[in-house]
Amino acid sequence: MRPDDAERRRREPTAWSNQSALQRGSARMWLVPATVLAVVAVAQFAFSLTLQLVLPVIGIVFTVAMWTVILVVGRRGGDPRRRNVALAWLMGGLAVGALLIAVGVYLIEAYGS
């Protein structure tokens, strides 16, 4: 890798890490969608409590814990780019984790335990 390659990648406007949402966006743009996602996931797991007990409770605890971490990271000061990258990864983790637990609930109900 040549030194000019790193400089060109840092200035490339279409690169994933150079998006304005990650560079200078506020934490609110991550907290609002994360809150909506968490509310929908907790509601879905709450409705699943009539079907099962263990997986929906794990889903509720996981969702609330991840949302709490997102809230703490969003309220923490520091470099906006590092904060926004962390919030993006945390929100992705929240979405994937909630989806996997929801699929687990579905599979157990569909195919039995």
PDB file of N, CA and C in Angstrom:
ATOM      1  N   MET A   1       0.842  -1.170   0.000  1.00  0.00           N
ATOM      2  CA  MET A   1       0.000   0.000   0.000  1.00  0.00           C
ATOM      3  C   MET A   1       0.891   1.237   0.000  1.00  0.00           C
ATOM      4  N   ARG A   2       0.637   2.120  -0.906  1.00  0.00           N
ATOM      5  CA  ARG A   2       1.400   3.359  -1.014  1.00  0.00           C
ATOM      6  C   ARG A   2       0.806   4.419  -0.096  1.00  0.00           C
ATOM      7  N   PRO A   3       1.625   5.377   0.334  1.00  0.00           N
ATOM      8  CA  PRO A   3       1.104   6.427   1.226  1.00  0.00           C
ATOM      9  C   PRO A   3      -0.015   7.245   0.602  1.00  0.00           C
ATOM     10  N   ASP A   4       0.028   7.460  -0.707  1.00  0.00           N
ATOM     11  CA  ASP A   4      -1.031   8.255  -1.331  1.00  0.00           C
ATOM     12  C   ASP A   4      -2.369   7.501  -1.374  1.00  0.00           C
ATOM     13  N   ASP A   5      -2.344   6.153  -1.270  1.00  0.00           N
ATOM     14  CA  ASP A   5      -3.590   5.386  -1.217  1.00  0.00           C
ATOM     15  C   ASP A   5      -4.377   5.690   0.056  1.00  0.00           C
ATOM     16  N   ALA A   6      -3.690   5.773   1.178  1.00  0.00           N
ATOM     17  CA  ALA A   6      -4.357   6.072   2.445  1.00  0.00           C
ATOM     18  C   ALA A   6      -4.960   7.474   2.420  1.00  0.00           C
ATOM     19  N   GLU A   7      -4.251   8.412   1.846  1.00  0.00           N
ATOM     20  CA  GLU A   7      -4.757   9.785   1.761  1.00  0.00           C
ATOM     21  C   GLU A   7      -5.976   9.845   0.846  1.00  0.00           C
ATOM     22  N   ARG A   8      -5.938   9.125  -0.255  1.00  0.00           N
ATOM     23  CA  ARG A   8      -7.062   9.109  -1.188  1.00  0.00           C
ATOM     24  C   ARG A   8      -8.294   8.462  -0.551  1.00  0.00           C
ATOM     25  N   ARG A   9      -8.091   7.380   0.211  1.00  0.00           N
ATOM     26  CA  ARG A   9      -9.222   6.740   0.892  1.00  0.00           C
ATOM     27  C   ARG A   9      -9.813   7.651   1.959  1.00  0.00           C
ATOM     28  N   ARG A  10      -8.976   8.431   2.636  1.00  0.00           N
ATOM     29  CA  ARG A  10      -9.470   9.328   3.675  1.00  0.00           C
ATOM     30  C   ARG A  10     -10.315  10.448   3.086  1.00  0.00           C
ATOM     31  N   ARG A  11     -10.037  10.827   1.848  1.00  0.00           N
ATOM     32  CA  ARG A  11     -10.800  11.909   1.213  1.00  0.00           C
ATOM     33  C   ARG A  11     -11.936  11.424   0.334  1.00  0.00           C
ATOM     34  N   GLU A  12     -12.041  10.145   0.092  1.00  0.00           N
ATOM     35  CA  GLU A  12     -13.085   9.587  -0.777  1.00  0.00           C
ATOM     36  C   GLU A  12     -14.462   9.799  -0.129  1.00  0.00           C
ATOM     37  N   PRO A  13     -15.355  10.593  -0.749  1.00  0.00           N
ATOM     38  CA  PRO A  13     -16.642  10.910  -0.110  1.00  0.00           C
ATOM     39  C   PRO A  13     -17.623   9.744  -0.070  1.00  0.00           C
ATOM     40  N   THR A  14     -17.421   8.736  -0.906  1.00  0.00           N
ATOM     41  CA  THR A  14     -18.367   7.619  -0.922  1.00  0.00           C
ATOM     42  C   THR A  14     -17.921   6.459  -0.045  1.00  0.00           C
ATOM     43  N   ALA A  15     -16.781   6.551   0.599  1.00  0.00           N
ATOM     44  CA  ALA A  15     -16.327   5.483   1.482  1.00  0.00           C
ATOM     45  C   ALA A  15     -17.230   5.403   2.709  1.00  0.00           C
ATOM     46  N   TRP A  16     -17.407   4.205   3.224  1.00  0.00           N
ATOM     47  CA  TRP A  16     -18.307   3.991   4.356  1.00  0.00           C
ATOM     48  C   TRP A  16     -17.914   4.854   5.544  1.00  0.00           C
ATOM     49  N   SER A  17     -16.638   4.918   5.853  1.00  0.00           N
ATOM     50  CA  SER A  17     -16.199   5.653   7.043  1.00  0.00           C
ATOM     51  C   SER A  17     -16.193   7.165   6.843  1.00  0.00           C
ATOM     52  N   ASN A  18     -16.429   7.638   5.638  1.00  0.00           N
ATOM     53  CA  ASN A  18     -16.435   9.071   5.372  1.00  0.00           C
ATOM     54  C   ASN A  18     -17.839   9.654   5.232  1.00  0.00           C
ATOM     55  N   GLN A  19     -18.858   8.918   5.584  1.00  0.00           N
ATOM     56  CA  GLN A  19     -20.219   9.419   5.483  1.00  0.00           C
ATOM     57  C   GLN A  19     -20.461  10.507   6.524  1.00  0.00           C
ATOM     58  N   SER A  20     -21.273  11.476   6.193  1.00  0.00           N
ATOM     59  CA  SER A  20     -21.493  12.601   7.102  1.00  0.00           C
ATOM     60  C   SER A  20     -22.170  12.156   8.397  1.00  0.00           C
ATOM     61  N   ALA A  21     -22.974  11.112   8.354  1.00  0.00           N
ATOM     62  CA  ALA A  21     -23.619  10.627   9.576  1.00  0.00           C
ATOM     63  C   ALA A  21     -22.600  10.130  10.584  1.00  0.00           C
ATOM     64  N   LEU A  22     -21.480   9.628  10.105  1.00  0.00           N
ATOM     65  CA  LEU A  22     -20.444   9.162  11.012  1.00  0.00           C
ATOM     66  C   LEU A  22     -19.450  10.257  11.360  1.00  0.00           C
ATOM     67  N   GLN A  23     -19.245  11.197  10.475  1.00  0.00           N
ATOM     68  CA  GLN A  23     -18.224  12.220  10.689  1.00  0.00           C
ATOM     69  C   GLN A  23     -18.665  13.303  11.655  1.00  0.00           C
ATOM     70  N   ARG A  24     -19.868  13.843  11.474  1.00  0.00           N
ATOM     71  CA  ARG A  24     -20.236  15.008  12.269  1.00  0.00           C
ATOM     72  C   ARG A  24     -21.699  15.017  12.697  1.00  0.00           C
ATOM     73  N   GLY A  25     -22.367  13.920  12.614  1.00  0.00           N
ATOM     74  CA  GLY A  25     -23.762  13.880  13.016  1.00  0.00           C
ATOM     75  C   GLY A  25     -23.919  13.890  14.528  1.00  0.00           C
ATOM     76  N   SER A  26     -25.083  14.272  14.987  1.00  0.00           N
ATOM     77  CA  SER A  26     -25.342  14.301  16.428  1.00  0.00           C
ATOM     78  C   SER A  26     -25.748  12.902  16.898  1.00  0.00           C
ATOM     79  N   ALA A  27     -25.662  12.706  18.193  1.00  0.00           N
ATOM     80  CA  ALA A  27     -26.041  11.414  18.772  1.00  0.00           C
ATOM     81  C   ALA A  27     -27.540  11.178  18.658  1.00  0.00           C
ATOM     82  N   ARG A  28     -28.317  12.253  18.565  1.00  0.00           N
ATOM     83  CA  ARG A  28     -29.777  12.123  18.482  1.00  0.00           C
ATOM     84  C   ARG A  28     -30.207  11.321  17.264  1.00  0.00           C
ATOM     85  N   MET A  29     -29.470  11.454  16.161  1.00  0.00           N
ATOM     86  CA  MET A  29     -29.878  10.715  14.962  1.00  0.00           C
ATOM     87  C   MET A  29     -29.688   9.208  15.126  1.00  0.00           C
ATOM     88  N   TRP A  30     -28.931   8.782  16.130  1.00  0.00           N
ATOM     89  CA  TRP A  30     -28.815   7.360  16.434  1.00  0.00           C
ATOM     90  C   TRP A  30     -29.750   6.966  17.568  1.00  0.00           C
ATOM     91  N   LEU A  31     -29.958   7.872  18.530  1.00  0.00           N
ATOM     92  CA  LEU A  31     -30.773   7.535  19.697  1.00  0.00           C
ATOM     93  C   LEU A  31     -32.254   7.388  19.367  1.00  0.00           C
ATOM     94  N   VAL A  32     -32.761   8.224  18.484  1.00  0.00           N
ATOM     95  CA  VAL A  32     -34.187   8.146  18.142  1.00  0.00           C
ATOM     96  C   VAL A  32     -34.522   6.826  17.434  1.00  0.00           C
ATOM     97  N   PRO A  33     -33.806   6.442  16.364  1.00  0.00           N
ATOM     98  CA  PRO A  33     -34.128   5.152  15.741  1.00  0.00           C
ATOM     99  C   PRO A  33     -33.840   3.960  16.657  1.00  0.00           C
ATOM    100  N   ALA A  34     -32.807   4.064  17.488  1.00  0.00           N
ATOM    101  CA  ALA A  34     -32.516   2.970  18.426  1.00  0.00           C
ATOM    102  C   ALA A  34     -33.643   2.825  19.439  1.00  0.00           C
ATOM    103  N   THR A  35     -34.221   3.937  19.874  1.00  0.00           N
ATOM    104  CA  THR A  35     -35.344   3.879  20.808  1.00  0.00           C
ATOM    105  C   THR A  35     -36.567   3.253  20.152  1.00  0.00           C
ATOM    106  N   VAL A  36     -36.844   3.637  18.911  1.00  0.00           N
ATOM    107  CA  VAL A  36     -37.979   3.048  18.191  1.00  0.00           C
ATOM    108  C   VAL A  36     -37.769   1.544  18.009  1.00  0.00           C
ATOM    109  N   LEU A  37     -36.561   1.152  17.610  1.00  0.00           N
ATOM    110  CA  LEU A  37     -36.251  -0.259  17.437  1.00  0.00           C
ATOM    111  C   LEU A  37     -36.392  -1.014  18.750  1.00  0.00           C
ATOM    112  N   ALA A  38     -35.913  -0.437  19.837  1.00  0.00           N
ATOM    113  CA  ALA A  38     -35.993  -1.097  21.141  1.00  0.00           C
ATOM    114  C   ALA A  38     -37.444  -1.242  21.593  1.00  0.00           C
ATOM    115  N   VAL A  39     -38.255  -0.221  21.382  1.00  0.00           N
ATOM    116  CA  VAL A  39     -39.664  -0.292  21.788  1.00  0.00           C
ATOM    117  C   VAL A  39     -40.395  -1.371  20.987  1.00  0.00           C
ATOM    118  N   VAL A  40     -40.137  -1.437  19.700  1.00  0.00           N
ATOM    119  CA  VAL A  40     -40.781  -2.461  18.866  1.00  0.00           C
ATOM    120  C   VAL A  40     -40.328  -3.856  19.287  1.00  0.00           C
ATOM    121  N   ALA A  41     -39.040  -4.019  19.545  1.00  0.00           N
ATOM    122  CA  ALA A  41     -38.522  -5.335  19.942  1.00  0.00           C
ATOM    123  C   ALA A  41     -39.081  -5.757  21.296  1.00  0.00           C
ATOM    124  N   VAL A  42     -39.095  -4.850  22.265  1.00  0.00           N
ATOM    125  CA  VAL A  42     -39.633  -5.196  23.591  1.00  0.00           C
ATOM    126  C   VAL A  42     -41.123  -5.521  23.493  1.00  0.00           C
ATOM    127  N   ALA A  43     -41.868  -4.784  22.689  1.00  0.00           N
ATOM    128  CA  ALA A  43     -43.294  -5.083  22.517  1.00  0.00           C
ATOM    129  C   ALA A  43     -43.488  -6.459  21.893  1.00  0.00           C
ATOM    130  N   GLN A  44     -42.684  -6.772  20.907  1.00  0.00           N
ATOM    131  CA  GLN A  44     -42.791  -8.083  20.262  1.00  0.00           C
ATOM    132  C   GLN A  44     -42.449  -9.201  21.239  1.00  0.00           C
ATOM    133  N   PHE A  45     -41.393  -8.998  22.035  1.00  0.00           N
ATOM    134  CA  PHE A  45     -41.039 -10.021  23.020  1.00  0.00           C
ATOM    135  C   PHE A  45     -42.089 -10.113  24.128  1.00  0.00           C
ATOM    136  N   ALA A  46     -42.702  -8.992  24.487  1.00  0.00           N
ATOM    137  CA  ALA A  46     -43.753  -9.018  25.506  1.00  0.00           C
ATOM    138  C   ALA A  46     -44.952  -9.817  25.020  1.00  0.00           C
ATOM    139  N   PHE A  47     -45.306  -9.665  23.750  1.00  0.00           N
ATOM    140  CA  PHE A  47     -46.406 -10.458  23.198  1.00  0.00           C
ATOM    141  C   PHE A  47     -46.033 -11.933  23.097  1.00  0.00           C
ATOM    142  N   SER A  48     -44.752 -12.226  22.949  1.00  0.00           N
ATOM    143  CA  SER A  48     -44.290 -13.615  22.856  1.00  0.00           C
ATOM    144  C   SER A  48     -44.272 -14.317  24.208  1.00  0.00           C
ATOM    145  N   LEU A  49     -44.420 -13.555  25.292  1.00  0.00           N
ATOM    146  CA  LEU A  49     -44.414 -14.178  26.620  1.00  0.00           C
ATOM    147  C   LEU A  49     -45.558 -15.158  26.811  1.00  0.00           C
ATOM    148  N   THR A  50     -46.636 -15.003  26.034  1.00  0.00           N
ATOM    149  CA  THR A  50     -47.744 -15.954  26.147  1.00  0.00           C
ATOM    150  C   THR A  50     -47.394 -17.291  25.498  1.00  0.00           C
ATOM    151  N   LEU A  51     -46.408 -17.290  24.611  1.00  0.00           N
ATOM    152  CA  LEU A  51     -45.987 -18.515  23.933  1.00  0.00           C
ATOM    153  C   LEU A  51     -44.876 -19.228  24.683  1.00  0.00           C
ATOM    154  N   GLN A  52     -43.905 -18.471  25.149  1.00  0.00           N
ATOM    155  CA  GLN A  52     -42.735 -19.018  25.833  1.00  0.00           C
ATOM    156  C   GLN A  52     -42.371 -18.086  26.976  1.00  0.00           C
ATOM    157  N   LEU A  53     -41.387 -18.502  27.762  1.00  0.00           N
ATOM    158  CA  LEU A  53     -40.947 -17.634  28.845  1.00  0.00           C
ATOM    159  C   LEU A  53     -39.482 -17.253  28.712  1.00  0.00           C
ATOM    160  N   VAL A  54     -38.627 -18.203  28.433  1.00  0.00           N
ATOM    161  CA  VAL A  54     -37.188 -17.965  28.520  1.00  0.00           C
ATOM    162  C   VAL A  54     -36.685 -17.034  27.416  1.00  0.00           C
ATOM    163  N   LEU A  55     -36.926 -17.369  26.167  1.00  0.00           N
ATOM    164  CA  LEU A  55     -36.394 -16.545  25.071  1.00  0.00           C
ATOM    165  C   LEU A  55     -36.952 -15.124  25.047  1.00  0.00           C
ATOM    166  N   PRO A  56     -38.236 -14.914  25.246  1.00  0.00           N
ATOM    167  CA  PRO A  56     -38.716 -13.524  25.296  1.00  0.00           C
ATOM    168  C   PRO A  56     -38.110 -12.717  26.447  1.00  0.00           C
ATOM    169  N   VAL A  57     -37.916 -13.344  27.610  1.00  0.00           N
ATOM    170  CA  VAL A  57     -37.282 -12.629  28.723  1.00  0.00           C
ATOM    171  C   VAL A  57     -35.840 -12.298  28.374  1.00  0.00           C
ATOM    172  N   ILE A  58     -35.124 -13.231  27.765  1.00  0.00           N
ATOM    173  CA  ILE A  58     -33.753 -12.955  27.302  1.00  0.00           C
ATOM    174  C   ILE A  58     -33.777 -11.817  26.290  1.00  0.00           C
ATOM    175  N   GLY A  59     -34.745 -11.819  25.387  1.00  0.00           N
ATOM    176  CA  GLY A  59     -34.849 -10.757  24.393  1.00  0.00           C
ATOM    177  C   GLY A  59     -35.117  -9.397  25.016  1.00  0.00           C
ATOM    178  N   ILE A  60     -35.985  -9.357  26.010  1.00  0.00           N
ATOM    179  CA  ILE A  60     -36.275  -8.082  26.680  1.00  0.00           C
ATOM    180  C   ILE A  60     -35.049  -7.576  27.422  1.00  0.00           C
ATOM    181  N   VAL A  61     -34.381  -8.454  28.155  1.00  0.00           N
ATOM    182  CA  VAL A  61     -33.182  -8.050  28.900  1.00  0.00           C
ATOM    183  C   VAL A  61     -32.089  -7.597  27.936  1.00  0.00           C
ATOM    184  N   PHE A  62     -31.879  -8.341  26.861  1.00  0.00           N
ATOM    185  CA  PHE A  62     -30.855  -7.973  25.873  1.00  0.00           C
ATOM    186  C   PHE A  62     -31.170  -6.621  25.246  1.00  0.00           C
ATOM    187  N   THR A  63     -32.409  -6.416  24.853  1.00  0.00           N
ATOM    188  CA  THR A  63     -32.794  -5.164  24.199  1.00  0.00           C
ATOM    189  C   THR A  63     -32.634  -3.974  25.137  1.00  0.00           C
ATOM    190  N   VAL A  64     -33.084  -4.112  26.358  1.00  0.00           N
ATOM    191  CA  VAL A  64     -32.963  -3.009  27.318  1.00  0.00           C
ATOM    192  C   VAL A  64     -31.492  -2.729  27.633  1.00  0.00           C
ATOM    193  N   ALA A  65     -30.701  -3.776  27.769  1.00  0.00           N
ATOM    194  CA  ALA A  65     -29.273  -3.588  28.052  1.00  0.00           C
ATOM    195  C   ALA A  65     -28.561  -2.899  26.890  1.00  0.00           C
ATOM    196  N   MET A  66     -28.833  -3.336  25.671  1.00  0.00           N
ATOM    197  CA  MET A  66     -28.192  -2.711  24.508  1.00  0.00           C
ATOM    198  C   MET A  66     -28.645  -1.267  24.346  1.00  0.00           C
ATOM    199  N   TRP A  67     -29.923  -0.998  24.566  1.00  0.00           N
ATOM    200  CA  TRP A  67     -30.406   0.374  24.456  1.00  0.00           C
ATOM    201  C   TRP A  67     -29.758   1.251  25.520  1.00  0.00           C
ATOM    202  N   THR A  68     -29.575   0.715  26.714  1.00  0.00           N
ATOM    203  CA  THR A  68     -28.917   1.469  27.781  1.00  0.00           C
ATOM    204  C   THR A  68     -27.479   1.796  27.406  1.00  0.00           C
ATOM    205  N   VAL A  69     -26.772   0.842  26.833  1.00  0.00           N
ATOM    206  CA  VAL A  69     -25.396   1.095  26.384  1.00  0.00           C
ATOM    207  C   VAL A  69     -25.395   2.157  25.284  1.00  0.00           C
ATOM    208  N   ILE A  70     -26.344   2.083  24.362  1.00  0.00           N
ATOM    209  CA  ILE A  70     -26.434   3.083  23.300  1.00  0.00           C
ATOM    210  C   ILE A  70     -26.702   4.464  23.898  1.00  0.00           C
ATOM    211  N   LEU A  71     -27.571   4.540  24.892  1.00  0.00           N
ATOM    212  CA  LEU A  71     -27.866   5.819  25.543  1.00  0.00           C
ATOM    213  C   LEU A  71     -26.630   6.383  26.244  1.00  0.00           C
ATOM    214  N   VAL A  72     -25.892   5.535  26.947  1.00  0.00           N
ATOM    215  CA  VAL A  72     -24.689   5.991  27.651  1.00  0.00           C
ATOM    216  C   VAL A  72     -23.629   6.471  26.660  1.00  0.00           C
ATOM    217  N   VAL A  73     -23.406   5.703  25.607  1.00  0.00           N
ATOM    218  CA  VAL A  73     -22.411   6.105  24.607  1.00  0.00           C
ATOM    219  C   VAL A  73     -22.851   7.380  23.895  1.00  0.00           C
ATOM    220  N   GLY A  74     -24.132   7.514  23.628  1.00  0.00           N
ATOM    221  CA  GLY A  74     -24.629   8.715  22.962  1.00  0.00           C
ATOM    222  C   GLY A  74     -24.518   9.964  23.809  1.00  0.00           C
ATOM    223  N   ARG A  75     -24.626   9.830  25.106  1.00  0.00           N
ATOM    224  CA  ARG A  75     -24.546  10.986  26.007  1.00  0.00           C
ATOM    225  C   ARG A  75     -23.113  11.315  26.421  1.00  0.00           C
ATOM    226  N   ARG A  76     -22.203  10.413  26.141  1.00  0.00           N
ATOM    227  CA  ARG A  76     -20.805  10.634  26.495  1.00  0.00           C
ATOM    228  C   ARG A  76     -20.202  11.643  25.530  1.00  0.00           C
ATOM    229  N   GLY A  77     -19.337  12.470  26.041  1.00  0.00           N
ATOM    230  CA  GLY A  77     -18.670  13.451  25.182  1.00  0.00           C
ATOM    231  C   GLY A  77     -17.541  12.802  24.406  1.00  0.00           C
ATOM    232  N   GLY A  78     -16.749  13.632  23.786  1.00  0.00           N
ATOM    233  CA  GLY A  78     -15.598  13.122  23.065  1.00  0.00           C
ATOM    234  C   GLY A  78     -15.701  13.357  21.568  1.00  0.00           C
ATOM    235  N   ASP A  79     -14.891  12.638  20.858  1.00  0.00           N
ATOM    236  CA  ASP A  79     -14.804  12.769  19.406  1.00  0.00           C
ATOM    237  C   ASP A  79     -16.104  12.289  18.761  1.00  0.00           C
ATOM    238  N   PRO A  80     -16.794  13.155  17.988  1.00  0.00           N
ATOM    239  CA  PRO A  80     -18.073  12.744  17.381  1.00  0.00           C
ATOM    240  C   PRO A  80     -17.928  11.569  16.420  1.00  0.00           C
ATOM    241  N   ARG A  81     -16.824  11.491  15.689  1.00  0.00           N
ATOM    242  CA  ARG A  81     -16.655  10.399  14.734  1.00  0.00           C
ATOM    243  C   ARG A  81     -16.569   9.059  15.460  1.00  0.00           C
ATOM    244  N   ARG A  82     -15.764   8.990  16.502  1.00  0.00           N
ATOM    245  CA  ARG A  82     -15.637   7.728  17.245  1.00  0.00           C
ATOM    246  C   ARG A  82     -16.967   7.359  17.905  1.00  0.00           C
ATOM    247  N   ARG A  83     -17.669   8.346  18.455  1.00  0.00           N
ATOM    248  CA  ARG A  83     -18.962   8.091  19.091  1.00  0.00           C
ATOM    249  C   ARG A  83     -19.966   7.562  18.071  1.00  0.00           C
ATOM    250  N   ASN A  84     -20.026   8.191  16.897  1.00  0.00           N
ATOM    251  CA  ASN A  84     -21.000   7.780  15.887  1.00  0.00           C
ATOM    252  C   ASN A  84     -20.697   6.407  15.317  1.00  0.00           C
ATOM    253  N   VAL A  85     -19.427   6.083  15.151  1.00  0.00           N
ATOM    254  CA  VAL A  85     -19.071   4.734  14.687  1.00  0.00           C
ATOM    255  C   VAL A  85     -19.479   3.707  15.742  1.00  0.00           C
ATOM    256  N   ALA A  86     -19.222   4.015  17.016  1.00  0.00           N
ATOM    257  CA  ALA A  86     -19.623   3.100  18.088  1.00  0.00           C
ATOM    258  C   ALA A  86     -21.143   2.942  18.118  1.00  0.00           C
ATOM    259  N   LEU A  87     -21.868   4.047  17.954  1.00  0.00           N
ATOM    260  CA  LEU A  87     -23.331   3.973  17.951  1.00  0.00           C
ATOM    261  C   LEU A  87     -23.851   3.161  16.768  1.00  0.00           C
ATOM    262  N   ALA A  88     -23.207   3.292  15.621  1.00  0.00           N
ATOM    263  CA  ALA A  88     -23.624   2.507  14.456  1.00  0.00           C
ATOM    264  C   ALA A  88     -23.437   1.010  14.715  1.00  0.00           C
ATOM    265  N   TRP A  89     -22.298   0.636  15.274  1.00  0.00           N
ATOM    266  CA  TRP A  89     -22.053  -0.779  15.575  1.00  0.00           C
ATOM    267  C   TRP A  89     -23.013  -1.283  16.652  1.00  0.00           C
ATOM    268  N   LEU A  90     -23.253  -0.477  17.680  1.00  0.00           N
ATOM    269  CA  LEU A  90     -24.164  -0.899  18.741  1.00  0.00           C
ATOM    270  C   LEU A  90     -25.592  -1.054  18.231  1.00  0.00           C
ATOM    271  N   MET A  91     -26.025  -0.137  17.384  1.00  0.00           N
ATOM    272  CA  MET A  91     -27.381  -0.247  16.845  1.00  0.00           C
ATOM    273  C   MET A  91     -27.503  -1.469  15.934  1.00  0.00           C
ATOM    274  N   GLY A  92     -26.461  -1.757  15.173  1.00  0.00           N
ATOM    275  CA  GLY A  92     -26.450  -2.980  14.372  1.00  0.00           C
ATOM    276  C   GLY A  92     -26.512  -4.218  15.245  1.00  0.00           C
ATOM    277  N   GLY A  93     -25.770  -4.203  16.353  1.00  0.00           N
ATOM    278  CA  GLY A  93     -25.813  -5.327  17.294  1.00  0.00           C
ATOM    279  C   GLY A  93     -27.176  -5.497  17.924  1.00  0.00           C
ATOM    280  N   LEU A  94     -27.818  -4.379  18.249  1.00  0.00           N
ATOM    281  CA  LEU A  94     -29.177  -4.434  18.790  1.00  0.00           C
ATOM    282  C   LEU A  94     -30.134  -5.046  17.777  1.00  0.00           C
ATOM    283  N   ALA A  95     -30.043  -4.611  16.540  1.00  0.00           N
ATOM    284  CA  ALA A  95     -30.948  -5.116  15.502  1.00  0.00           C
ATOM    285  C   ALA A  95     -30.717  -6.600  15.233  1.00  0.00           C
ATOM    286  N   VAL A  96     -29.469  -7.004  15.081  1.00  0.00           N
ATOM    287  CA  VAL A  96     -29.171  -8.409  14.780  1.00  0.00           C
ATOM    288  C   VAL A  96     -29.532  -9.306  15.966  1.00  0.00           C
ATOM    289  N   GLY A  97     -29.188  -8.869  17.178  1.00  0.00           N
ATOM    290  CA  GLY A  97     -29.506  -9.672  18.359  1.00  0.00           C
ATOM    291  C   GLY A  97     -31.001  -9.857  18.544  1.00  0.00           C
ATOM    292  N   ALA A  98     -31.761  -8.776  18.417  1.00  0.00           N
ATOM    293  CA  ALA A  98     -33.211  -8.885  18.563  1.00  0.00           C
ATOM    294  C   ALA A  98     -33.809  -9.772  17.470  1.00  0.00           C
ATOM    295  N   LEU A  99     -33.288  -9.657  16.261  1.00  0.00           N
ATOM    296  CA  LEU A  99     -33.779 -10.501  15.172  1.00  0.00           C
ATOM    297  C   LEU A  99     -33.488 -11.969  15.427  1.00  0.00           C
ATOM    298  N   LEU A 100     -32.286 -12.291  15.876  1.00  0.00           N
ATOM    299  CA  LEU A 100     -31.938 -13.693  16.135  1.00  0.00           C
ATOM    300  C   LEU A 100     -32.790 -14.287  17.255  1.00  0.00           C
ATOM    301  N   ILE A 101     -33.039 -13.506  18.289  1.00  0.00           N
ATOM    302  CA  ILE A 101     -33.891 -14.008  19.369  1.00  0.00           C
ATOM    303  C   ILE A 101     -35.328 -14.186  18.884  1.00  0.00           C
ATOM    304  N   ALA A 102     -35.821 -13.265  18.056  1.00  0.00           N
ATOM    305  CA  ALA A 102     -37.173 -13.402  17.509  1.00  0.00           C
ATOM    306  C   ALA A 102     -37.270 -14.629  16.608  1.00  0.00           C
ATOM    307  N   VAL A 103     -36.250 -14.874  15.820  1.00  0.00           N
ATOM    308  CA  VAL A 103     -36.238 -16.078  14.975  1.00  0.00           C
ATOM    309  C   VAL A 103     -36.199 -17.327  15.853  1.00  0.00           C
ATOM    310  N   GLY A 104     -35.449 -17.272  16.947  1.00  0.00           N
ATOM    311  CA  GLY A 104     -35.419 -18.404  17.875  1.00  0.00           C
ATOM    312  C   GLY A 104     -36.784 -18.698  18.461  1.00  0.00           C
ATOM    313  N   VAL A 105     -37.510 -17.654  18.839  1.00  0.00           N
ATOM    314  CA  VAL A 105     -38.878 -17.837  19.352  1.00  0.00           C
ATOM    315  C   VAL A 105     -39.750 -18.487  18.284  1.00  0.00           C
ATOM    316  N   TYR A 106     -39.643 -17.992  17.064  1.00  0.00           N
ATOM    317  CA  TYR A 106     -40.447 -18.555  15.970  1.00  0.00           C
ATOM    318  C   TYR A 106     -40.106 -20.024  15.715  1.00  0.00           C
ATOM    319  N   LEU A 107     -38.810 -20.337  15.676  1.00  0.00           N
ATOM    320  CA  LEU A 107     -38.411 -21.712  15.387  1.00  0.00           C
ATOM    321  C   LEU A 107     -38.862 -22.683  16.473  1.00  0.00           C
ATOM    322  N   ILE A 108     -38.764 -22.263  17.704  1.00  0.00           N
ATOM    323  CA  ILE A 108     -39.205 -23.141  18.794  1.00  0.00           C
ATOM    324  C   ILE A 108     -40.723 -23.335  18.731  1.00  0.00           C
ATOM    325  N   GLU A 109     -41.439 -22.298  18.415  1.00  0.00           N
ATOM    326  CA  GLU A 109     -42.900 -22.439  18.315  1.00  0.00           C
ATOM    327  C   GLU A 109     -43.306 -23.242  17.077  1.00  0.00           C
ATOM    328  N   ALA A 110     -42.586 -23.071  15.996  1.00  0.00           N
ATOM    329  CA  ALA A 110     -42.951 -23.768  14.761  1.00  0.00           C
ATOM    330  C   ALA A 110     -42.586 -25.251  14.800  1.00  0.00           C
ATOM    331  N   TYR A 111     -41.441 -25.559  15.382  1.00  0.00           N
ATOM    332  CA  TYR A 111     -40.952 -26.940  15.334  1.00  0.00           C
ATOM    333  C   TYR A 111     -40.929 -27.631  16.682  1.00  0.00           C
ATOM    334  N   GLY A 112     -41.362 -26.975  17.716  1.00  0.00           N
ATOM    335  CA  GLY A 112     -41.414 -27.591  19.037  1.00  0.00           C
ATOM    336  C   GLY A 112     -40.051 -27.656  19.687  1.00  0.00           C
ATOM    337  N   SER A 113     -40.092 -28.010  20.953  1.00  0.00           N
ATOM    338  CA  SER A 113     -38.819 -28.089  21.682  1.00  0.00           C
ATOM    339  C   SER A 113     -38.510 -29.497  22.106  1.00  0.00           C
TER     340      SER A 113
END
